[in-house]
Amino acid sequence: MLPLTYWPDERLVQKCEPVKQIDDAFLLFVESLKKTMLKEQGLGIAATQVGVPLQVCLVQETYGEEPLVMINPVIEASSKKKVLFGEGCLSFPGLFIEVARPAWVDVAYLDLNMKRHLRRFDGLPLSVCVQHEIDHLRGLTFLDRVSRQERRKILRKWKQPWTEYPPPRSTQAKSGSRKASYKKKKAGRRKK
């Protein structure tokens, strides 16, 4: 099992690099990623959620079955019709947000044999889960899918899990993190 990366860790907003080859180390990583997702009872997980900037994600199509592994996924087309769905995220424990997303998406991806697939993901929660995980690979979180005003309101109300137990070191605000940078800028404005 791999340690999860929690918001506001800056690795969650990092764009991931494409996977160029599949070797034993990569296969071992995917297996660990799967175990982490299942242990945390997630519907999906992206490599960036464990701090690894590679374009690979897993989604649980049917509970109890092997998760689908998608390497270098790209959304090729999407419906104009949107659906509103309450999303959760392993990197934001206890937070659920209503997000509007396309009702279906056509996704091109590679499997573990580097075979290309083009598949339509339709229906809830699968379509939403696939889009959510692909967002992670692009350096986006579900907070980026709501308005700035809504995001502020959500974050003020959200009881971050590390108020109850210490977060992993990577989640604590570092001098280079967004949160720490924002606090420095704000403090600098007050001094003037």
N, C-alpha and C. Protein backbone atom coordinates (compact mmCIF):
# COMPACT_ATOMS: atom_id res chain seq x y z
N MET A 1 0.83 -1.17 0.00
CA MET A 1 0.00 0.00 0.00
C MET A 1 0.88 1.25 0.00
N LEU A 2 0.40 2.29 -0.68
CA LEU A 2 1.18 3.52 -0.80
C LEU A 2 0.54 4.63 0.04
N PRO A 3 1.35 5.55 0.58
CA PRO A 3 0.76 6.66 1.34
C PRO A 3 0.06 7.65 0.41
N LEU A 4 -1.12 8.08 0.80
CA LEU A 4 -1.87 9.03 0.00
C LEU A 4 -1.31 10.44 0.13
N THR A 5 -1.53 11.23 -0.89
CA THR A 5 -1.16 12.64 -0.90
C THR A 5 -2.44 13.44 -0.65
N TYR A 6 -2.41 14.31 0.35
CA TYR A 6 -3.60 15.08 0.72
C TYR A 6 -3.43 16.55 0.34
N TRP A 7 -4.55 17.17 -0.01
CA TRP A 7 -4.57 18.60 -0.26
C TRP A 7 -4.16 19.32 1.01
N PRO A 8 -3.34 20.34 1.00
CA PRO A 8 -2.90 21.18 -0.12
C PRO A 8 -1.53 20.81 -0.69
N ASP A 9 -1.13 19.56 -0.64
CA ASP A 9 0.15 19.15 -1.20
C ASP A 9 0.23 19.60 -2.66
N GLU A 10 1.29 20.30 -3.00
CA GLU A 10 1.41 20.86 -4.34
C GLU A 10 1.55 19.80 -5.44
N ARG A 11 1.87 18.57 -5.07
CA ARG A 11 1.95 17.51 -6.09
C ARG A 11 0.59 17.21 -6.70
N LEU A 12 -0.50 17.58 -6.00
CA LEU A 12 -1.85 17.35 -6.53
C LEU A 12 -2.17 18.28 -7.69
N VAL A 13 -1.44 19.36 -7.83
CA VAL A 13 -1.71 20.31 -8.93
C VAL A 13 -0.59 20.26 -9.97
N GLN A 14 0.19 19.22 -9.92
CA GLN A 14 1.28 19.02 -10.87
C GLN A 14 0.78 18.19 -12.05
N LYS A 15 1.10 18.62 -13.27
CA LYS A 15 0.74 17.83 -14.45
C LYS A 15 1.65 16.62 -14.53
N CYS A 16 1.06 15.48 -14.85
CA CYS A 16 1.81 14.22 -14.88
C CYS A 16 2.46 13.99 -16.24
N GLU A 17 3.56 13.24 -16.21
CA GLU A 17 4.31 12.89 -17.41
C GLU A 17 3.71 11.62 -18.03
N PRO A 18 3.72 11.51 -19.35
CA PRO A 18 3.23 10.28 -19.99
C PRO A 18 4.11 9.07 -19.63
N VAL A 19 3.49 7.92 -19.57
CA VAL A 19 4.22 6.67 -19.35
C VAL A 19 4.79 6.26 -20.70
N LYS A 20 6.11 6.04 -20.74
CA LYS A 20 6.77 5.72 -22.02
C LYS A 20 7.02 4.23 -22.19
N GLN A 21 7.19 3.51 -21.06
CA GLN A 21 7.42 2.07 -21.16
C GLN A 21 6.85 1.38 -19.93
N ILE A 22 6.55 0.12 -20.10
CA ILE A 22 6.05 -0.68 -18.98
C ILE A 22 7.09 -1.73 -18.66
N ASP A 23 7.60 -1.65 -17.43
CA ASP A 23 8.57 -2.63 -16.97
C ASP A 23 8.08 -3.22 -15.65
N ASP A 24 8.89 -4.05 -15.04
CA ASP A 24 8.49 -4.71 -13.80
C ASP A 24 8.22 -3.71 -12.68
N ALA A 25 9.03 -2.66 -12.61
CA ALA A 25 8.84 -1.64 -11.56
C ALA A 25 7.50 -0.93 -11.74
N PHE A 26 7.14 -0.63 -12.98
CA PHE A 26 5.86 0.02 -13.25
C PHE A 26 4.70 -0.91 -12.89
N LEU A 27 4.79 -2.17 -13.26
CA LEU A 27 3.73 -3.13 -12.93
C LEU A 27 3.56 -3.28 -11.42
N LEU A 28 4.67 -3.27 -10.70
CA LEU A 28 4.62 -3.33 -9.24
C LEU A 28 3.95 -2.08 -8.67
N PHE A 29 4.26 -0.92 -9.26
CA PHE A 29 3.64 0.33 -8.83
C PHE A 29 2.12 0.29 -9.05
N VAL A 30 1.69 -0.18 -10.21
CA VAL A 30 0.25 -0.27 -10.52
C VAL A 30 -0.44 -1.21 -9.53
N GLU A 31 0.19 -2.31 -9.20
CA GLU A 31 -0.38 -3.25 -8.22
C GLU A 31 -0.52 -2.59 -6.85
N SER A 32 0.49 -1.82 -6.44
CA SER A 32 0.43 -1.09 -5.16
C SER A 32 -0.64 -0.02 -5.20
N LEU A 33 -0.78 0.64 -6.34
CA LEU A 33 -1.81 1.67 -6.50
C LEU A 33 -3.20 1.05 -6.36
N LYS A 34 -3.37 -0.13 -6.95
CA LYS A 34 -4.65 -0.85 -6.85
C LYS A 34 -4.95 -1.22 -5.40
N LYS A 35 -3.96 -1.75 -4.71
CA LYS A 35 -4.16 -2.13 -3.30
C LYS A 35 -4.52 -0.91 -2.44
N THR A 36 -3.89 0.22 -2.73
CA THR A 36 -4.18 1.46 -2.00
C THR A 36 -5.61 1.89 -2.24
N MET A 37 -6.05 1.88 -3.50
CA MET A 37 -7.41 2.28 -3.84
C MET A 37 -8.43 1.38 -3.15
N LEU A 38 -8.22 0.08 -3.19
CA LEU A 38 -9.16 -0.86 -2.59
C LEU A 38 -9.18 -0.74 -1.06
N LYS A 39 -8.00 -0.58 -0.47
CA LYS A 39 -7.92 -0.42 0.99
C LYS A 39 -8.64 0.84 1.45
N GLU A 40 -8.51 1.92 0.68
CA GLU A 40 -9.14 3.20 1.03
C GLU A 40 -10.59 3.27 0.56
N GLN A 41 -11.07 2.20 -0.09
CA GLN A 41 -12.44 2.09 -0.58
C GLN A 41 -12.79 3.19 -1.58
N GLY A 42 -11.83 3.51 -2.45
CA GLY A 42 -12.06 4.51 -3.49
C GLY A 42 -12.66 3.88 -4.73
N LEU A 43 -13.36 4.71 -5.51
CA LEU A 43 -13.88 4.27 -6.81
C LEU A 43 -12.82 4.43 -7.88
N GLY A 44 -11.80 5.23 -7.58
CA GLY A 44 -10.72 5.46 -8.52
C GLY A 44 -9.53 6.06 -7.80
N ILE A 45 -8.39 6.05 -8.49
CA ILE A 45 -7.18 6.66 -7.94
C ILE A 45 -6.26 7.00 -9.10
N ALA A 46 -5.54 8.10 -8.95
CA ALA A 46 -4.55 8.52 -9.94
C ALA A 46 -3.18 8.49 -9.29
N ALA A 47 -2.15 8.28 -10.09
CA ALA A 47 -0.78 8.18 -9.56
C ALA A 47 -0.39 9.42 -8.77
N THR A 48 -0.85 10.57 -9.18
CA THR A 48 -0.51 11.81 -8.47
C THR A 48 -1.04 11.81 -7.04
N GLN A 49 -2.08 11.01 -6.77
CA GLN A 49 -2.63 10.95 -5.42
C GLN A 49 -1.74 10.18 -4.45
N VAL A 50 -0.70 9.56 -4.98
CA VAL A 50 0.32 8.95 -4.12
C VAL A 50 1.67 9.61 -4.39
N GLY A 51 1.62 10.80 -4.98
CA GLY A 51 2.83 11.60 -5.18
C GLY A 51 3.69 11.20 -6.36
N VAL A 52 3.16 10.41 -7.28
CA VAL A 52 3.93 9.97 -8.45
C VAL A 52 3.37 10.66 -9.69
N PRO A 53 4.16 11.50 -10.36
CA PRO A 53 3.65 12.28 -11.50
C PRO A 53 3.66 11.51 -12.83
N LEU A 54 2.95 10.40 -12.88
CA LEU A 54 2.83 9.60 -14.10
C LEU A 54 1.36 9.53 -14.52
N GLN A 55 1.13 9.50 -15.82
CA GLN A 55 -0.23 9.44 -16.34
C GLN A 55 -0.78 8.02 -16.30
N VAL A 56 -1.17 7.61 -15.11
CA VAL A 56 -1.83 6.32 -14.94
C VAL A 56 -2.88 6.47 -13.85
N CYS A 57 -4.06 5.92 -14.13
CA CYS A 57 -5.13 5.95 -13.13
C CYS A 57 -5.91 4.65 -13.21
N LEU A 58 -6.63 4.36 -12.14
CA LEU A 58 -7.46 3.17 -12.06
C LEU A 58 -8.87 3.59 -11.71
N VAL A 59 -9.85 2.90 -12.25
CA VAL A 59 -11.24 3.14 -11.89
C VAL A 59 -11.93 1.81 -11.63
N GLN A 60 -12.79 1.82 -10.65
CA GLN A 60 -13.54 0.63 -10.26
C GLN A 60 -14.84 0.63 -11.07
N GLU A 61 -14.92 -0.22 -12.08
CA GLU A 61 -16.12 -0.28 -12.91
C GLU A 61 -17.28 -0.95 -12.18
N THR A 62 -17.00 -2.08 -11.57
CA THR A 62 -17.99 -2.82 -10.82
C THR A 62 -17.35 -3.25 -9.51
N TYR A 63 -18.06 -3.00 -8.42
CA TYR A 63 -17.50 -3.32 -7.11
C TYR A 63 -17.13 -4.79 -7.04
N GLY A 64 -15.92 -5.06 -6.55
CA GLY A 64 -15.47 -6.43 -6.38
C GLY A 64 -14.72 -6.98 -7.58
N GLU A 65 -14.74 -6.29 -8.71
CA GLU A 65 -14.00 -6.75 -9.89
C GLU A 65 -12.67 -6.01 -10.00
N GLU A 66 -11.80 -6.51 -10.88
CA GLU A 66 -10.50 -5.87 -11.10
C GLU A 66 -10.72 -4.45 -11.62
N PRO A 67 -10.02 -3.47 -11.05
CA PRO A 67 -10.15 -2.10 -11.57
C PRO A 67 -9.56 -1.99 -12.98
N LEU A 68 -10.09 -1.06 -13.74
CA LEU A 68 -9.59 -0.77 -15.08
C LEU A 68 -8.36 0.13 -14.94
N VAL A 69 -7.26 -0.26 -15.57
CA VAL A 69 -6.04 0.54 -15.57
C VAL A 69 -6.00 1.33 -16.87
N MET A 70 -5.86 2.65 -16.74
CA MET A 70 -5.77 3.51 -17.93
C MET A 70 -4.43 4.25 -17.90
N ILE A 71 -3.66 4.06 -18.94
CA ILE A 71 -2.34 4.70 -19.06
C ILE A 71 -2.44 5.77 -20.14
N ASN A 72 -1.90 6.95 -19.84
CA ASN A 72 -1.91 8.10 -20.76
C ASN A 72 -3.31 8.38 -21.31
N PRO A 73 -4.34 8.43 -20.46
CA PRO A 73 -5.70 8.65 -20.96
C PRO A 73 -5.91 10.08 -21.45
N VAL A 74 -6.70 10.18 -22.52
CA VAL A 74 -7.05 11.48 -23.10
C VAL A 74 -8.53 11.46 -23.43
N ILE A 75 -9.24 12.50 -23.02
CA ILE A 75 -10.65 12.63 -23.38
C ILE A 75 -10.72 13.14 -24.81
N GLU A 76 -11.26 12.31 -25.70
CA GLU A 76 -11.34 12.64 -27.12
C GLU A 76 -12.62 13.40 -27.47
N ALA A 77 -13.70 13.09 -26.77
CA ALA A 77 -14.99 13.75 -27.02
C ALA A 77 -15.82 13.66 -25.75
N SER A 78 -16.79 14.57 -25.64
CA SER A 78 -17.67 14.55 -24.47
C SER A 78 -19.04 15.09 -24.86
N SER A 79 -20.04 14.72 -24.08
CA SER A 79 -21.41 15.17 -24.36
C SER A 79 -21.55 16.64 -23.98
N LYS A 80 -22.49 17.30 -24.64
CA LYS A 80 -22.80 18.68 -24.28
C LYS A 80 -23.69 18.69 -23.04
N LYS A 81 -24.45 17.62 -22.86
CA LYS A 81 -25.31 17.51 -21.69
C LYS A 81 -24.45 17.30 -20.45
N LYS A 82 -24.76 18.03 -19.40
CA LYS A 82 -24.01 17.92 -18.14
C LYS A 82 -24.86 17.19 -17.11
N VAL A 83 -24.18 16.51 -16.18
CA VAL A 83 -24.84 15.88 -15.05
C VAL A 83 -24.22 16.44 -13.77
N LEU A 84 -25.04 16.63 -12.78
CA LEU A 84 -24.58 17.11 -11.48
C LEU A 84 -24.46 15.91 -10.57
N PHE A 85 -23.27 15.72 -9.97
CA PHE A 85 -23.03 14.54 -9.16
C PHE A 85 -22.16 14.91 -7.97
N GLY A 86 -22.47 14.36 -6.81
CA GLY A 86 -21.67 14.60 -5.60
C GLY A 86 -20.41 13.76 -5.63
N GLU A 87 -19.27 14.43 -5.74
CA GLU A 87 -17.98 13.74 -5.83
C GLU A 87 -17.22 13.79 -4.51
N GLY A 88 -16.54 12.70 -4.22
CA GLY A 88 -15.60 12.66 -3.11
C GLY A 88 -14.22 12.41 -3.70
N CYS A 89 -13.19 12.48 -2.85
CA CYS A 89 -11.83 12.28 -3.33
C CYS A 89 -10.95 11.77 -2.19
N LEU A 90 -10.14 10.78 -2.49
CA LEU A 90 -9.24 10.23 -1.46
C LEU A 90 -8.27 11.28 -0.93
N SER A 91 -7.95 12.28 -1.73
CA SER A 91 -7.01 13.33 -1.31
C SER A 91 -7.69 14.45 -0.52
N PHE A 92 -9.01 14.38 -0.40
CA PHE A 92 -9.80 15.34 0.38
C PHE A 92 -10.76 14.56 1.28
N PRO A 93 -10.25 13.82 2.26
CA PRO A 93 -11.11 12.95 3.07
C PRO A 93 -12.28 13.70 3.71
N GLY A 94 -13.47 13.11 3.55
CA GLY A 94 -14.66 13.68 4.18
C GLY A 94 -15.29 14.82 3.41
N LEU A 95 -14.72 15.22 2.29
CA LEU A 95 -15.27 16.34 1.51
C LEU A 95 -16.01 15.81 0.29
N PHE A 96 -17.23 16.27 0.11
CA PHE A 96 -18.03 15.91 -1.06
C PHE A 96 -18.54 17.19 -1.70
N ILE A 97 -18.41 17.29 -3.02
CA ILE A 97 -18.78 18.49 -3.75
C ILE A 97 -19.66 18.11 -4.93
N GLU A 98 -20.73 18.88 -5.14
CA GLU A 98 -21.56 18.71 -6.33
C GLU A 98 -20.83 19.35 -7.51
N VAL A 99 -20.52 18.53 -8.52
CA VAL A 99 -19.78 19.01 -9.69
C VAL A 99 -20.57 18.68 -10.94
N ALA A 100 -20.65 19.64 -11.87
CA ALA A 100 -21.29 19.41 -13.16
C ALA A 100 -20.23 18.96 -14.16
N ARG A 101 -20.48 17.81 -14.77
CA ARG A 101 -19.55 17.26 -15.77
C ARG A 101 -20.34 16.71 -16.95
N PRO A 102 -19.67 16.51 -18.10
CA PRO A 102 -20.35 15.89 -19.23
C PRO A 102 -20.94 14.52 -18.86
N ALA A 103 -22.11 14.21 -19.40
CA ALA A 103 -22.79 12.95 -19.09
C ALA A 103 -22.00 11.74 -19.58
N TRP A 104 -21.27 11.89 -20.69
CA TRP A 104 -20.43 10.81 -21.18
C TRP A 104 -19.14 11.39 -21.75
N VAL A 105 -18.11 10.54 -21.80
CA VAL A 105 -16.83 10.93 -22.41
C VAL A 105 -16.29 9.75 -23.21
N ASP A 106 -15.65 10.06 -24.32
CA ASP A 106 -14.90 9.06 -25.08
C ASP A 106 -13.43 9.24 -24.71
N VAL A 107 -12.82 8.17 -24.23
CA VAL A 107 -11.45 8.25 -23.73
C VAL A 107 -10.54 7.29 -24.50
N ALA A 108 -9.41 7.82 -24.96
CA ALA A 108 -8.37 6.99 -25.56
C ALA A 108 -7.34 6.73 -24.46
N TYR A 109 -6.93 5.48 -24.32
CA TYR A 109 -5.95 5.13 -23.29
C TYR A 109 -5.22 3.86 -23.70
N LEU A 110 -4.13 3.60 -23.01
CA LEU A 110 -3.37 2.37 -23.20
C LEU A 110 -3.62 1.44 -22.02
N ASP A 111 -3.60 0.15 -22.28
CA ASP A 111 -3.70 -0.82 -21.18
C ASP A 111 -2.29 -1.26 -20.77
N LEU A 112 -2.19 -2.23 -19.90
CA LEU A 112 -0.89 -2.67 -19.39
C LEU A 112 -0.04 -3.37 -20.45
N ASN A 113 -0.63 -3.71 -21.59
CA ASN A 113 0.12 -4.30 -22.71
C ASN A 113 0.47 -3.25 -23.75
N MET A 114 0.22 -1.96 -23.41
CA MET A 114 0.45 -0.82 -24.31
C MET A 114 -0.45 -0.90 -25.54
N LYS A 115 -1.59 -1.57 -25.40
CA LYS A 115 -2.57 -1.64 -26.48
C LYS A 115 -3.51 -0.45 -26.33
N ARG A 116 -3.77 0.25 -27.46
CA ARG A 116 -4.62 1.44 -27.43
C ARG A 116 -6.10 1.05 -27.45
N HIS A 117 -6.89 1.76 -26.65
CA HIS A 117 -8.34 1.57 -26.60
C HIS A 117 -9.01 2.92 -26.76
N LEU A 118 -10.18 2.92 -27.35
CA LEU A 118 -11.04 4.10 -27.38
C LEU A 118 -12.38 3.62 -26.87
N ARG A 119 -12.82 4.21 -25.75
CA ARG A 119 -14.02 3.69 -25.11
C ARG A 119 -14.89 4.83 -24.61
N ARG A 120 -16.18 4.63 -24.72
CA ARG A 120 -17.14 5.59 -24.18
C ARG A 120 -17.49 5.19 -22.75
N PHE A 121 -17.38 6.14 -21.85
CA PHE A 121 -17.78 5.96 -20.46
C PHE A 121 -19.05 6.78 -20.26
N ASP A 122 -20.12 6.08 -19.93
CA ASP A 122 -21.44 6.69 -19.82
C ASP A 122 -22.07 6.20 -18.53
N GLY A 123 -22.87 7.03 -17.92
CA GLY A 123 -23.57 6.61 -16.71
C GLY A 123 -22.82 6.98 -15.44
N LEU A 124 -23.59 7.02 -14.38
CA LEU A 124 -23.04 7.40 -13.07
C LEU A 124 -22.80 6.15 -12.24
N PRO A 125 -21.77 6.12 -11.44
CA PRO A 125 -20.74 7.14 -11.24
C PRO A 125 -19.53 6.97 -12.17
N LEU A 126 -19.54 5.97 -13.06
CA LEU A 126 -18.35 5.64 -13.84
C LEU A 126 -17.84 6.80 -14.69
N SER A 127 -18.73 7.45 -15.44
CA SER A 127 -18.31 8.56 -16.30
C SER A 127 -17.66 9.67 -15.49
N VAL A 128 -18.27 9.99 -14.35
CA VAL A 128 -17.75 11.05 -13.47
C VAL A 128 -16.40 10.63 -12.88
N CYS A 129 -16.29 9.40 -12.46
CA CYS A 129 -15.06 8.89 -11.85
C CYS A 129 -13.90 8.97 -12.85
N VAL A 130 -14.14 8.56 -14.08
CA VAL A 130 -13.09 8.60 -15.11
C VAL A 130 -12.63 10.04 -15.33
N GLN A 131 -13.58 10.98 -15.43
CA GLN A 131 -13.22 12.39 -15.64
C GLN A 131 -12.45 12.94 -14.44
N HIS A 132 -12.87 12.57 -13.25
CA HIS A 132 -12.22 13.02 -12.01
C HIS A 132 -10.76 12.57 -11.98
N GLU A 133 -10.52 11.30 -12.31
CA GLU A 133 -9.15 10.77 -12.26
C GLU A 133 -8.28 11.37 -13.36
N ILE A 134 -8.84 11.57 -14.54
CA ILE A 134 -8.07 12.20 -15.63
C ILE A 134 -7.73 13.64 -15.25
N ASP A 135 -8.64 14.32 -14.56
CA ASP A 135 -8.33 15.67 -14.06
C ASP A 135 -7.08 15.65 -13.19
N HIS A 136 -6.99 14.67 -12.28
CA HIS A 136 -5.82 14.57 -11.41
C HIS A 136 -4.53 14.50 -12.24
N LEU A 137 -4.55 13.77 -13.33
CA LEU A 137 -3.36 13.62 -14.17
C LEU A 137 -3.00 14.93 -14.86
N ARG A 138 -3.97 15.82 -15.00
CA ARG A 138 -3.76 17.13 -15.62
C ARG A 138 -3.46 18.23 -14.60
N GLY A 139 -3.32 17.82 -13.32
CA GLY A 139 -3.02 18.80 -12.28
C GLY A 139 -4.24 19.54 -11.78
N LEU A 140 -5.42 18.95 -11.96
CA LEU A 140 -6.66 19.57 -11.51
C LEU A 140 -7.30 18.74 -10.41
N THR A 141 -8.04 19.40 -9.53
CA THR A 141 -8.84 18.68 -8.54
C THR A 141 -10.29 19.10 -8.73
N PHE A 142 -11.19 18.43 -8.02
CA PHE A 142 -12.60 18.81 -8.18
C PHE A 142 -12.87 20.23 -7.69
N LEU A 143 -11.99 20.80 -6.90
CA LEU A 143 -12.14 22.21 -6.50
C LEU A 143 -12.01 23.14 -7.70
N ASP A 144 -11.27 22.70 -8.73
CA ASP A 144 -11.12 23.51 -9.94
C ASP A 144 -12.37 23.49 -10.81
N ARG A 145 -13.33 22.64 -10.48
CA ARG A 145 -14.56 22.51 -11.26
C ARG A 145 -15.73 23.31 -10.68
N VAL A 146 -15.47 24.07 -9.62
CA VAL A 146 -16.50 24.93 -9.04
C VAL A 146 -15.99 26.37 -9.07
N SER A 147 -16.90 27.31 -8.89
CA SER A 147 -16.52 28.72 -8.92
C SER A 147 -15.59 29.06 -7.76
N ARG A 148 -14.85 30.14 -7.92
CA ARG A 148 -13.92 30.58 -6.87
C ARG A 148 -14.68 30.86 -5.57
N GLN A 149 -15.84 31.49 -5.70
CA GLN A 149 -16.66 31.80 -4.52
C GLN A 149 -17.12 30.52 -3.82
N GLU A 150 -17.59 29.55 -4.62
CA GLU A 150 -18.03 28.26 -4.06
C GLU A 150 -16.86 27.53 -3.41
N ARG A 151 -15.69 27.58 -4.05
CA ARG A 151 -14.49 26.92 -3.51
C ARG A 151 -14.14 27.49 -2.13
N ARG A 152 -14.16 28.82 -2.00
CA ARG A 152 -13.86 29.45 -0.71
C ARG A 152 -14.85 28.99 0.37
N LYS A 153 -16.11 28.97 0.00
CA LYS A 153 -17.16 28.56 0.94
C LYS A 153 -16.95 27.10 1.38
N ILE A 154 -16.66 26.24 0.42
CA ILE A 154 -16.43 24.81 0.70
C ILE A 154 -15.25 24.63 1.63
N LEU A 155 -14.15 25.30 1.33
CA LEU A 155 -12.93 25.12 2.13
C LEU A 155 -13.07 25.68 3.54
N ARG A 156 -13.87 26.73 3.71
CA ARG A 156 -14.10 27.27 5.06
C ARG A 156 -14.87 26.27 5.91
N LYS A 157 -15.82 25.57 5.29
CA LYS A 157 -16.66 24.62 6.03
C LYS A 157 -16.01 23.26 6.23
N TRP A 158 -15.10 22.90 5.33
CA TRP A 158 -14.50 21.57 5.37
C TRP A 158 -13.60 21.42 6.58
N LYS A 159 -13.86 20.40 7.35
CA LYS A 159 -13.01 20.08 8.50
C LYS A 159 -11.91 19.18 7.99
N GLN A 160 -10.74 19.75 7.81
CA GLN A 160 -9.64 18.98 7.26
C GLN A 160 -9.29 17.83 8.21
N PRO A 161 -9.02 16.66 7.64
CA PRO A 161 -8.80 15.47 8.47
C PRO A 161 -7.64 15.61 9.43
N TRP A 162 -6.64 16.43 9.08
CA TRP A 162 -5.48 16.51 9.96
C TRP A 162 -5.72 17.37 11.18
N THR A 163 -6.95 17.87 11.37
CA THR A 163 -7.27 18.49 12.64
C THR A 163 -7.56 17.39 13.67
N GLU A 164 -7.80 16.18 13.17
CA GLU A 164 -8.10 15.04 14.04
C GLU A 164 -6.89 14.13 14.24
N TYR A 165 -6.01 14.08 13.27
CA TYR A 165 -4.80 13.27 13.40
C TYR A 165 -3.71 13.92 12.56
N PRO A 166 -2.44 13.73 12.89
CA PRO A 166 -1.39 14.43 12.14
C PRO A 166 -1.35 13.99 10.68
N PRO A 167 -1.16 14.95 9.77
CA PRO A 167 -1.07 14.60 8.36
C PRO A 167 0.31 14.03 8.03
N PRO A 168 0.41 13.33 6.90
CA PRO A 168 1.74 12.93 6.45
C PRO A 168 2.58 14.18 6.22
N ARG A 169 3.89 14.08 6.33
CA ARG A 169 4.77 15.24 6.18
C ARG A 169 4.51 16.00 4.89
N SER A 170 4.21 15.29 3.82
CA SER A 170 4.05 15.94 2.51
C SER A 170 2.85 16.87 2.47
N THR A 171 1.89 16.73 3.38
CA THR A 171 0.69 17.56 3.32
C THR A 171 0.82 18.83 4.14
N GLN A 172 1.82 18.92 4.99
CA GLN A 172 1.97 20.11 5.79
C GLN A 172 2.46 21.25 4.91
N ALA A 173 1.94 22.46 5.16
CA ALA A 173 2.31 23.61 4.35
C ALA A 173 3.82 23.81 4.40
N LYS A 174 4.42 23.83 3.22
CA LYS A 174 5.86 24.07 3.12
C LYS A 174 6.05 25.50 2.65
N SER A 175 7.25 25.99 2.74
CA SER A 175 7.49 27.38 2.33
C SER A 175 7.16 27.56 0.86
N GLY A 176 7.27 26.52 0.04
CA GLY A 176 7.00 26.65 -1.39
C GLY A 176 5.58 26.30 -1.77
N SER A 177 4.74 25.88 -0.83
CA SER A 177 3.40 25.46 -1.18
C SER A 177 2.50 26.65 -1.46
N ARG A 178 1.40 26.40 -2.16
CA ARG A 178 0.43 27.45 -2.49
C ARG A 178 -0.06 28.14 -1.23
N LYS A 179 -0.45 27.35 -0.23
CA LYS A 179 -1.04 27.91 0.98
C LYS A 179 -0.03 28.80 1.70
N ALA A 180 1.20 28.32 1.84
CA ALA A 180 2.22 29.11 2.51
C ALA A 180 2.54 30.37 1.71
N SER A 181 2.61 30.25 0.38
CA SER A 181 2.89 31.41 -0.47
C SER A 181 1.79 32.45 -0.33
N TYR A 182 0.55 32.00 -0.31
CA TYR A 182 -0.58 32.90 -0.16
C TYR A 182 -0.50 33.64 1.17
N LYS A 183 -0.17 32.91 2.25
CA LYS A 183 -0.07 33.54 3.57
C LYS A 183 1.04 34.59 3.58
N LYS A 184 2.18 34.30 2.91
CA LYS A 184 3.27 35.27 2.85
C LYS A 184 2.83 36.52 2.10
N LYS A 185 2.15 36.34 0.95
CA LYS A 185 1.69 37.49 0.16
C LYS A 185 0.73 38.33 0.97
N LYS A 186 -0.21 37.66 1.64
CA LYS A 186 -1.21 38.37 2.43
C LYS A 186 -0.54 39.14 3.57
N ALA A 187 0.43 38.52 4.23
CA ALA A 187 1.14 39.18 5.32
C ALA A 187 1.92 40.38 4.79
N GLY A 188 2.52 40.22 3.60
CA GLY A 188 3.27 41.32 2.98
C GLY A 188 2.39 42.50 2.67
N ARG A 189 1.14 42.26 2.26
CA ARG A 189 0.19 43.35 1.95
C ARG A 189 -0.18 44.10 3.21
N ARG A 190 -0.29 43.42 4.33
CA ARG A 190 -0.67 44.05 5.58
C ARG A 190 0.40 45.00 6.09
N LYS A 191 1.67 44.66 5.82
CA LYS A 191 2.78 45.46 6.31
C LYS A 191 2.86 46.82 5.62
N LYS A 192 2.40 46.90 4.38
CA LYS A 192 2.51 48.14 3.60
C LYS A 192 1.63 49.24 4.10
